[in-house]
């Protein structure tokens, strides 16, 4: 599978938030990968969540329907 098959659907600076959303996506049957771009020494950057291109719309719907999400 090439990198172009994966699309970013969410980014946050909070690791717990990223793991919570990843867990919800997996529970909904959506394969999800994380890419941690957060610098461990200075604590800036984001954790990005990626899903397969075919699941982007469904993943964004799941994320937007989670409590306290835009």
C-alpha atoms as a PDB file:
ATOM      1  CA  UNK A   1       0.000   0.000   0.000  1.00  0.00           C
ATOM      2  CA  UNK A   2       1.448   3.350  -0.979  1.00  0.00           C
ATOM      3  CA  UNK A   3       1.550   6.493   1.150  1.00  0.00           C
ATOM      4  CA  UNK A   4      -0.978   8.130  -1.184  1.00  0.00           C
ATOM      5  CA  UNK A   5      -3.616   5.666   0.062  1.00  0.00           C
ATOM      6  CA  UNK A   6      -3.504   7.282   3.535  1.00  0.00           C
ATOM      7  CA  UNK A   7      -5.083  10.667   4.252  1.00  0.00           C
ATOM      8  CA  UNK A   8      -4.801  12.844   7.347  1.00  0.00           C
ATOM      9  CA  UNK A   9      -8.144  13.272   9.096  1.00  0.00           C
ATOM     10  CA  UNK A  10      -7.132  14.810  12.429  1.00  0.00           C
ATOM     11  CA  UNK A  11      -4.204  16.478  14.174  1.00  0.00           C
ATOM     12  CA  UNK A  12      -3.736  17.466  17.807  1.00  0.00           C
ATOM     13  CA  UNK A  13      -0.980  18.394  20.177  1.00  0.00           C
ATOM     14  CA  UNK A  14      -2.446  16.172  22.901  1.00  0.00           C
ATOM     15  CA  UNK A  15      -1.390  12.510  22.794  1.00  0.00           C
ATOM     16  CA  UNK A  16      -4.341  11.333  24.908  1.00  0.00           C
ATOM     17  CA  UNK A  17      -6.787  13.014  22.520  1.00  0.00           C
ATOM     18  CA  UNK A  18      -5.156  11.340  19.507  1.00  0.00           C
ATOM     19  CA  UNK A  19      -5.257   7.911  21.160  1.00  0.00           C
ATOM     20  CA  UNK A  20      -8.899   8.357  22.165  1.00  0.00           C
ATOM     21  CA  UNK A  21      -9.934   9.242  18.616  1.00  0.00           C
ATOM     22  CA  UNK A  22      -7.806   6.453  17.140  1.00  0.00           C
ATOM     23  CA  UNK A  23      -9.500   3.973  19.469  1.00  0.00           C
ATOM     24  CA  UNK A  24     -12.956   5.205  18.436  1.00  0.00           C
ATOM     25  CA  UNK A  25     -12.109   4.911  14.739  1.00  0.00           C
ATOM     26  CA  UNK A  26     -10.824   1.364  15.232  1.00  0.00           C
ATOM     27  CA  UNK A  27     -13.993   0.498  17.186  1.00  0.00           C
ATOM     28  CA  UNK A  28     -15.975   1.710  14.151  1.00  0.00           C
ATOM     29  CA  UNK A  29     -13.995  -0.615  11.869  1.00  0.00           C
ATOM     30  CA  UNK A  30     -11.772   2.088  10.358  1.00  0.00           C
ATOM     31  CA  UNK A  31      -8.070   1.272  10.134  1.00  0.00           C
ATOM     32  CA  UNK A  32      -6.108   4.170  11.609  1.00  0.00           C
ATOM     33  CA  UNK A  33      -2.405   5.035  11.874  1.00  0.00           C
ATOM     34  CA  UNK A  34      -0.742   7.731  13.967  1.00  0.00           C
ATOM     35  CA  UNK A  35       2.258   9.834  13.084  1.00  0.00           C
ATOM     36  CA  UNK A  36       3.773  11.553  16.097  1.00  0.00           C
ATOM     37  CA  UNK A  37       5.495  14.775  15.019  1.00  0.00           C
ATOM     38  CA  UNK A  38       5.660  16.098  18.568  1.00  0.00           C
ATOM     39  CA  UNK A  39       9.142  17.090  19.732  1.00  0.00           C
ATOM     40  CA  UNK A  40       9.866  15.307  23.007  1.00  0.00           C
ATOM     41  CA  UNK A  41      12.294  17.919  24.334  1.00  0.00           C
ATOM     42  CA  UNK A  42      10.386  21.116  23.575  1.00  0.00           C
ATOM     43  CA  UNK A  43       6.832  19.707  23.437  1.00  0.00           C
ATOM     44  CA  UNK A  44       5.717  21.367  20.222  1.00  0.00           C
ATOM     45  CA  UNK A  45       4.278  19.725  17.134  1.00  0.00           C
ATOM     46  CA  UNK A  46       1.292  17.484  16.572  1.00  0.00           C
ATOM     47  CA  UNK A  47       0.156  13.903  16.473  1.00  0.00           C
ATOM     48  CA  UNK A  48      -1.557  13.213  13.155  1.00  0.00           C
ATOM     49  CA  UNK A  49      -4.164  10.527  12.478  1.00  0.00           C
ATOM     50  CA  UNK A  50      -4.368   8.912   9.057  1.00  0.00           C
ATOM     51  CA  UNK A  51      -6.978   6.615   7.516  1.00  0.00           C
ATOM     52  CA  UNK A  52      -7.217   4.944   4.150  1.00  0.00           C
ATOM     53  CA  UNK A  53      -8.531   7.241   1.422  1.00  0.00           C
ATOM     54  CA  UNK A  54     -11.750   5.244   1.093  1.00  0.00           C
ATOM     55  CA  UNK A  55     -12.570   5.859   4.786  1.00  0.00           C
ATOM     56  CA  UNK A  56     -11.943   9.627   4.983  1.00  0.00           C
ATOM     57  CA  UNK A  57     -15.582  10.767   4.900  1.00  0.00           C
ATOM     58  CA  UNK A  58     -16.696   8.123   7.381  1.00  0.00           C
ATOM     59  CA  UNK A  59     -13.774   8.869   9.730  1.00  0.00           C
ATOM     60  CA  UNK A  60     -14.469  12.619   9.708  1.00  0.00           C
ATOM     61  CA  UNK A  61     -18.121  11.895  10.467  1.00  0.00           C
ATOM     62  CA  UNK A  62     -17.173   9.677  13.427  1.00  0.00           C
ATOM     63  CA  UNK A  63     -14.749  12.305  14.742  1.00  0.00           C
ATOM     64  CA  UNK A  64     -17.225  15.160  14.390  1.00  0.00           C
ATOM     65  CA  UNK A  65     -19.882  13.195  16.287  1.00  0.00           C
ATOM     66  CA  UNK A  66     -17.642  12.531  19.259  1.00  0.00           C
ATOM     67  CA  UNK A  67     -18.353  14.697  22.320  1.00  0.00           C
ATOM     68  CA  UNK A  68     -16.385  17.989  22.394  1.00  0.00           C
ATOM     69  CA  UNK A  69     -15.282  17.718  18.742  1.00  0.00           C
ATOM     70  CA  UNK A  70     -15.750  20.229  15.935  1.00  0.00           C
END
